[in-house]
Amino acid sequence: MSRPDPASSGLVVVDKPGGTTSHGVVARVRRLAGTRKVGHAGTLDPMATGVLVVGLNRATRLLGHLMLTQKSYDATLRLGASTTTDDAEGEVVSTASLEGVTEQRVRDVLASFVGEIDQVPTAVSAIKVDGQRAYARVRAGEEVELAARRVTIHELVVHGVSAPHPGASRVGIDQHGLDVRISVRCSSGTYIRAIARDLGTALGVGGHLTALRRTAVGPFDLSVAHTLDELAEDFRMVSIASAARATFPSVDLAEGDAASVRVGRALDLELPGTGEHALFAPDGEFLALYASDGLRARPVAVFVG
């Protein structure tokens, strides 16, 4: 079994199993890596599987920036019932007949979600309300109302609309429900459970999420993800420099500018495009994330010095 240098910095792309919390994945990676400074980018619910990007040491500072990148999911939405959590882990609060619900109507409603939309997050989210996570308030019996947020659904593909697979229905849910299988590419902050809820509301029959697999976070997809068991045998990590180059537009600096970046100085440098850029020293060392203020390039986060 290969183990990393406990002082090394980088990202580990985990294929999270179902039934495990994101915190549980972090705890396992912490033990495997032999370091305490470990975090993750973008929580996955216990029922969800797929890409969870974990950062070690200095790379934990990249995680907040990674969370702002696009994400992709495969999901199954169940029509015909609403739940307290907008997913299969909650209690059923209402059921409805699906008479009159056609596949074309389902596709039409989902097509209307594509683009910039105002989405109300699910009440059992990690959003803080007066200093406390919304899900904690809900579990304590409080009613939580969250404000709508502007999100972008870049692409939503409907793979099929069909009756649930035998044995997939839950007690209390219409056995003649409909499962809608979709793939979504969206901005950070988009809730797939809310898509299920809003689809059911638009059709007047209720809806919730029954399966979710995250297939990508920014440039990191399932092709570079590893299960926890695989990591226990061969601990594979993406270096902080490789992660930065894969995620952000890159700029290679001359030594003079690199020295300025090491101490966090602004640069008289025109950055191509908008947003954050990864700056590198002549020897390839990742130095910082910079963004343009219209006149100069200024530090967003410096990773050396």
Protein backbone atom coordinates (compact mmCIF):
# COMPACT_ATOMS: atom_id res chain seq x y z
CA MET A 1 0.00 0.00 0.00
CA SER A 2 1.38 3.42 -0.99
CA ARG A 3 1.04 6.35 1.40
CA PRO A 4 1.64 10.02 0.70
CA ASP A 5 4.07 12.27 2.49
CA PRO A 6 1.91 13.65 5.36
CA ALA A 7 3.18 17.15 4.53
CA SER A 8 2.28 16.97 0.83
CA SER A 9 -0.51 19.12 -0.58
CA GLY A 10 -2.98 18.09 -3.24
CA LEU A 11 -6.46 16.92 -4.09
CA VAL A 12 -7.92 13.44 -3.78
CA VAL A 13 -10.90 12.74 -6.02
CA VAL A 14 -13.10 10.23 -4.20
CA ASP A 15 -15.99 8.20 -5.61
CA LYS A 16 -18.14 8.48 -2.48
CA PRO A 17 -20.25 5.43 -1.64
CA GLY A 18 -23.89 5.66 -0.67
CA GLY A 19 -24.72 5.59 3.02
CA THR A 20 -21.58 7.51 3.98
CA THR A 21 -21.45 11.18 4.94
CA SER A 22 -19.00 13.57 3.32
CA HIS A 23 -17.53 14.07 6.80
CA GLY A 24 -17.02 10.32 7.03
CA VAL A 25 -15.09 10.35 3.75
CA VAL A 26 -12.88 13.16 5.05
CA ALA A 27 -12.19 11.19 8.24
CA ARG A 28 -11.18 8.11 6.22
CA VAL A 29 -8.90 10.14 3.93
CA ARG A 30 -7.37 11.84 6.97
CA ARG A 31 -6.37 8.42 8.35
CA LEU A 32 -5.06 7.19 5.00
CA ALA A 33 -3.03 10.35 4.39
CA GLY A 34 -1.70 10.63 7.94
CA THR A 35 -2.50 14.34 8.14
CA ARG A 36 -5.14 16.29 10.03
CA LYS A 37 -5.59 19.20 7.62
CA VAL A 38 -8.21 17.73 5.27
CA GLY A 39 -11.42 19.20 3.86
CA HIS A 40 -13.84 18.71 0.99
CA ALA A 41 -15.46 20.81 -1.73
CA GLY A 42 -19.25 20.58 -1.89
CA THR A 43 -21.13 18.28 0.49
CA LEU A 44 -22.85 15.18 -0.85
CA ASP A 45 -25.81 13.83 1.13
CA PRO A 46 -25.36 10.34 2.62
CA MET A 47 -27.67 8.78 -0.01
CA ALA A 48 -25.69 10.34 -2.87
CA THR A 49 -22.66 8.81 -4.55
CA GLY A 50 -19.96 10.06 -6.86
CA VAL A 51 -17.31 12.74 -7.09
CA LEU A 52 -16.23 14.30 -3.81
CA VAL A 53 -13.07 16.40 -4.08
CA VAL A 54 -10.96 16.27 -0.92
CA GLY A 55 -8.06 18.63 -0.24
CA LEU A 56 -4.96 17.99 1.86
CA ASN A 57 -2.86 20.62 3.65
CA ARG A 58 -2.33 23.76 1.52
CA ALA A 59 -4.75 22.43 -1.09
CA THR A 60 -7.64 22.87 1.37
CA ARG A 61 -7.42 26.59 0.48
CA LEU A 62 -8.34 25.68 -3.11
CA LEU A 63 -11.57 23.99 -2.06
CA GLY A 64 -13.63 27.15 -1.64
CA HIS A 65 -12.69 28.18 -5.17
CA LEU A 66 -13.47 24.71 -6.55
CA MET A 67 -16.92 24.86 -4.97
CA LEU A 68 -17.76 27.75 -7.31
CA THR A 69 -17.15 25.67 -10.45
CA GLN A 70 -19.78 23.81 -12.47
CA LYS A 71 -21.02 20.44 -11.28
CA SER A 72 -22.67 17.54 -13.09
CA TYR A 73 -25.10 14.92 -11.80
CA ASP A 74 -27.10 11.86 -12.82
CA ALA A 75 -30.36 11.64 -10.91
CA THR A 76 -33.68 9.84 -10.64
CA LEU A 77 -36.75 11.88 -9.71
CA ARG A 78 -39.93 10.18 -8.45
CA LEU A 79 -43.24 11.79 -9.35
CA GLY A 80 -46.39 11.14 -7.35
CA ALA A 81 -45.22 11.91 -3.80
CA SER A 82 -43.67 14.75 -1.80
CA THR A 83 -41.42 14.19 1.21
CA THR A 84 -40.22 16.32 4.12
CA THR A 85 -36.67 16.39 2.74
CA ASP A 86 -37.45 16.43 -1.00
CA ASP A 87 -35.64 13.10 -1.26
CA ALA A 88 -36.20 9.43 -0.43
CA GLU A 89 -34.82 9.79 3.10
CA GLY A 90 -37.70 11.97 4.26
CA GLU A 91 -41.22 11.12 5.38
CA VAL A 92 -43.97 11.13 2.78
CA VAL A 93 -46.25 14.12 3.30
CA SER A 94 -48.54 13.78 0.28
CA THR A 95 -49.29 11.53 -2.68
CA ALA A 96 -51.23 12.17 -5.86
CA SER A 97 -52.60 10.37 -8.87
CA LEU A 98 -50.50 10.69 -12.00
CA GLU A 99 -53.49 10.58 -14.31
CA GLY A 100 -52.90 13.02 -17.14
CA VAL A 101 -49.14 13.30 -16.61
CA THR A 102 -47.45 12.55 -19.92
CA GLU A 103 -43.79 12.12 -20.77
CA GLN A 104 -43.98 15.14 -23.06
CA ARG A 105 -45.36 17.30 -20.25
CA VAL A 106 -42.53 16.15 -17.98
CA ARG A 107 -39.97 17.00 -20.65
CA ASP A 108 -41.56 20.40 -21.29
CA VAL A 109 -41.47 21.39 -17.61
CA LEU A 110 -37.86 20.29 -17.19
CA ALA A 111 -36.88 22.19 -20.34
CA SER A 112 -38.26 25.35 -18.73
CA PHE A 113 -35.75 24.95 -15.88
CA VAL A 114 -32.74 25.34 -18.18
CA GLY A 115 -30.94 28.68 -17.98
CA GLU A 116 -30.77 31.21 -15.15
CA ILE A 117 -33.56 30.52 -12.67
CA ASP A 118 -34.53 31.53 -9.14
CA GLN A 119 -34.49 28.35 -7.09
CA VAL A 120 -35.61 28.01 -3.47
CA PRO A 121 -33.09 25.70 -1.76
CA THR A 122 -34.43 22.62 -0.05
CA ALA A 123 -35.19 23.26 3.62
CA VAL A 124 -32.81 20.52 4.74
CA SER A 125 -29.79 22.22 3.24
CA ALA A 126 -26.53 23.33 4.85
CA ILE A 127 -27.47 27.00 4.43
CA LYS A 128 -27.22 28.86 7.72
CA VAL A 129 -30.29 30.56 9.18
CA ASP A 130 -29.44 32.86 12.10
CA GLY A 131 -26.18 31.02 12.59
CA GLN A 132 -27.61 27.49 12.49
CA ARG A 133 -27.76 25.07 9.56
CA ALA A 134 -31.22 24.89 8.00
CA TYR A 135 -31.29 21.08 8.22
CA ALA A 136 -30.62 21.25 11.97
CA ARG A 137 -33.58 23.58 12.45
CA VAL A 138 -35.83 21.30 10.39
CA ARG A 139 -34.76 18.23 12.35
CA ALA A 140 -35.52 20.14 15.54
CA GLY A 141 -39.11 20.54 14.34
CA GLU A 142 -38.91 24.12 13.08
CA GLU A 143 -40.42 25.31 9.84
CA VAL A 144 -37.73 26.91 7.70
CA GLU A 145 -38.33 29.19 4.76
CA LEU A 146 -35.34 30.00 2.58
CA ALA A 147 -35.10 32.79 0.05
CA ALA A 148 -34.78 31.95 -3.62
CA ARG A 149 -31.29 32.05 -5.11
CA ARG A 150 -30.23 32.65 -8.67
CA VAL A 151 -28.64 29.52 -10.14
CA THR A 152 -27.85 28.39 -13.67
CA ILE A 153 -28.78 25.06 -15.16
CA HIS A 154 -26.53 24.82 -18.19
CA GLU A 155 -27.89 21.53 -19.47
CA LEU A 156 -30.63 19.11 -18.45
CA VAL A 157 -31.02 15.87 -20.40
CA VAL A 158 -34.02 13.57 -19.86
CA HIS A 159 -32.99 9.95 -20.40
CA GLY A 160 -36.36 8.39 -19.75
CA VAL A 161 -39.73 8.51 -17.98
CA SER A 162 -41.01 5.16 -16.77
CA ALA A 163 -42.71 3.25 -13.99
CA PRO A 164 -40.43 2.57 -11.01
CA HIS A 165 -38.28 -0.54 -11.14
CA PRO A 166 -39.96 -3.46 -9.29
CA GLY A 167 -39.19 -3.15 -5.61
CA ALA A 168 -38.18 0.49 -5.89
CA SER A 169 -41.42 1.93 -4.52
CA ARG A 170 -41.66 2.83 -0.87
CA VAL A 171 -44.51 2.18 1.50
CA GLY A 172 -47.03 5.00 1.25
CA ILE A 173 -45.99 6.02 -2.26
CA ASP A 174 -48.27 5.40 -5.24
CA GLN A 175 -47.11 2.14 -6.79
CA HIS A 176 -47.93 3.68 -10.16
CA GLY A 177 -45.48 6.55 -9.71
CA LEU A 178 -43.16 7.71 -12.44
CA ASP A 179 -39.39 7.77 -12.37
CA VAL A 180 -37.64 10.44 -14.41
CA ARG A 181 -33.96 9.81 -15.15
CA ILE A 182 -31.96 12.95 -15.90
CA SER A 183 -28.44 14.33 -16.23
CA VAL A 184 -27.77 17.89 -15.12
CA ARG A 185 -24.86 20.28 -15.60
CA CYS A 186 -25.31 23.29 -13.35
CA SER A 187 -23.74 26.10 -11.36
CA SER A 188 -22.61 25.74 -7.80
CA GLY A 189 -25.49 26.13 -5.35
CA THR A 190 -28.04 24.26 -7.49
CA TYR A 191 -30.08 21.68 -5.58
CA ILE A 192 -31.12 18.62 -7.57
CA ARG A 193 -33.65 17.80 -4.84
CA ALA A 194 -35.23 21.17 -5.53
CA ILE A 195 -35.53 20.27 -9.23
CA ALA A 196 -37.44 17.13 -8.22
CA ARG A 197 -39.66 19.13 -5.87
CA ASP A 198 -40.33 21.88 -8.40
CA LEU A 199 -41.08 19.43 -11.20
CA GLY A 200 -43.66 17.71 -8.99
CA THR A 201 -45.15 21.07 -8.00
CA ALA A 202 -45.44 22.24 -11.61
CA LEU A 203 -47.21 19.02 -12.55
CA GLY A 204 -49.42 19.14 -9.45
CA VAL A 205 -48.43 15.64 -8.31
CA GLY A 206 -45.47 16.15 -5.98
CA GLY A 207 -41.96 14.89 -6.52
CA HIS A 208 -38.77 13.94 -4.75
CA LEU A 209 -35.27 12.68 -5.45
CA THR A 210 -34.62 8.94 -5.18
CA ALA A 211 -31.07 8.61 -6.52
CA LEU A 212 -28.18 11.02 -7.06
CA ARG A 213 -24.70 10.50 -8.43
CA ARG A 214 -22.35 13.43 -8.90
CA THR A 215 -20.35 12.83 -12.05
CA ALA A 216 -18.10 15.91 -12.03
CA VAL A 217 -16.87 18.87 -9.98
CA GLY A 218 -15.22 21.34 -12.32
CA PRO A 219 -12.61 19.42 -14.35
CA PHE A 220 -12.63 16.39 -12.01
CA ASP A 221 -14.98 13.62 -13.11
CA LEU A 222 -15.55 9.94 -12.40
CA SER A 223 -12.70 8.93 -14.72
CA VAL A 224 -10.19 10.24 -12.15
CA ALA A 225 -12.17 9.29 -9.03
CA HIS A 226 -11.24 6.39 -6.76
CA THR A 227 -13.17 4.47 -4.16
CA LEU A 228 -12.01 4.55 -0.56
CA ASP A 229 -10.93 0.92 -0.83
CA GLU A 230 -8.84 1.73 -3.90
CA LEU A 231 -7.22 4.64 -2.09
CA ALA A 232 -6.40 2.35 0.83
CA GLU A 233 -4.38 0.22 -1.59
CA ASP A 234 -2.91 3.01 -3.70
CA PHE A 235 -3.31 6.56 -2.40
CA ARG A 236 -3.54 8.71 -5.53
CA MET A 237 -3.38 12.46 -5.23
CA VAL A 238 -3.51 15.30 -7.77
CA SER A 239 -0.74 17.79 -6.99
CA ILE A 240 -1.83 21.30 -6.06
CA ALA A 241 -0.12 22.65 -9.20
CA SER A 242 -1.88 20.14 -11.49
CA ALA A 243 -5.21 20.84 -9.78
CA ALA A 244 -4.81 24.59 -10.25
CA ARG A 245 -3.86 24.21 -13.94
CA ALA A 246 -6.82 21.92 -14.55
CA THR A 247 -9.31 24.25 -12.86
CA PHE A 248 -8.28 27.80 -13.73
CA PRO A 249 -6.80 29.66 -16.71
CA SER A 250 -3.02 29.55 -16.18
CA VAL A 251 -0.39 32.27 -16.45
CA ASP A 252 3.34 31.48 -16.35
CA LEU A 253 5.33 34.38 -14.91
CA ALA A 254 8.87 35.68 -15.26
CA GLU A 255 10.91 35.53 -12.06
CA GLY A 256 10.43 39.24 -11.26
CA ASP A 257 6.64 38.99 -11.27
CA ALA A 258 6.82 35.66 -9.42
CA ALA A 259 8.76 37.37 -6.62
CA SER A 260 6.04 40.03 -6.37
CA VAL A 261 3.33 37.38 -6.22
CA ARG A 262 5.12 35.58 -3.37
CA VAL A 263 4.57 38.63 -1.18
CA GLY A 264 1.05 39.33 -2.48
CA ARG A 265 1.73 42.43 -4.58
CA ALA A 266 -0.58 43.52 -7.37
CA LEU A 267 0.82 43.14 -10.88
CA ASP A 268 0.72 45.35 -13.93
CA LEU A 269 -0.49 42.35 -15.86
CA GLU A 270 -3.40 41.92 -18.24
CA LEU A 271 -5.16 38.67 -17.49
CA PRO A 272 -6.99 37.02 -20.39
CA GLY A 273 -10.72 36.66 -19.83
CA THR A 274 -12.46 37.12 -16.50
CA GLY A 275 -12.48 35.38 -13.14
CA GLU A 276 -9.64 33.82 -11.21
CA HIS A 277 -6.35 32.84 -12.84
CA ALA A 278 -3.68 30.48 -11.54
CA LEU A 279 -0.20 32.05 -11.53
CA PHE A 280 2.95 29.93 -11.77
CA ALA A 281 6.67 30.55 -11.22
CA PRO A 282 9.17 29.80 -14.01
CA ASP A 283 9.91 26.41 -12.42
CA GLY A 284 6.21 25.45 -12.51
CA GLU A 285 5.45 26.09 -8.85
CA PHE A 286 1.86 27.16 -8.24
CA LEU A 287 1.94 30.54 -6.51
CA ALA A 288 -1.49 32.12 -6.27
CA LEU A 289 -4.92 32.88 -7.67
CA TYR A 290 -5.22 36.39 -9.08
CA ALA A 291 -8.08 38.30 -10.68
CA SER A 292 -8.19 41.55 -12.63
CA ASP A 293 -9.75 44.68 -11.17
CA GLY A 294 -9.82 46.27 -14.61
CA LEU A 295 -6.47 47.98 -14.17
CA ARG A 296 -4.16 45.53 -12.45
CA ALA A 297 -4.06 41.87 -11.44
CA ARG A 298 -4.63 41.51 -7.72
CA PRO A 299 -4.32 38.51 -5.37
CA VAL A 300 -7.35 36.46 -4.44
CA ALA A 301 -5.38 33.79 -2.58
CA VAL A 302 -1.61 33.33 -2.28
CA PHE A 303 -0.40 29.78 -1.68
CA VAL A 304 3.32 30.41 -1.04
CA GLY A 305 5.47 32.75 1.03
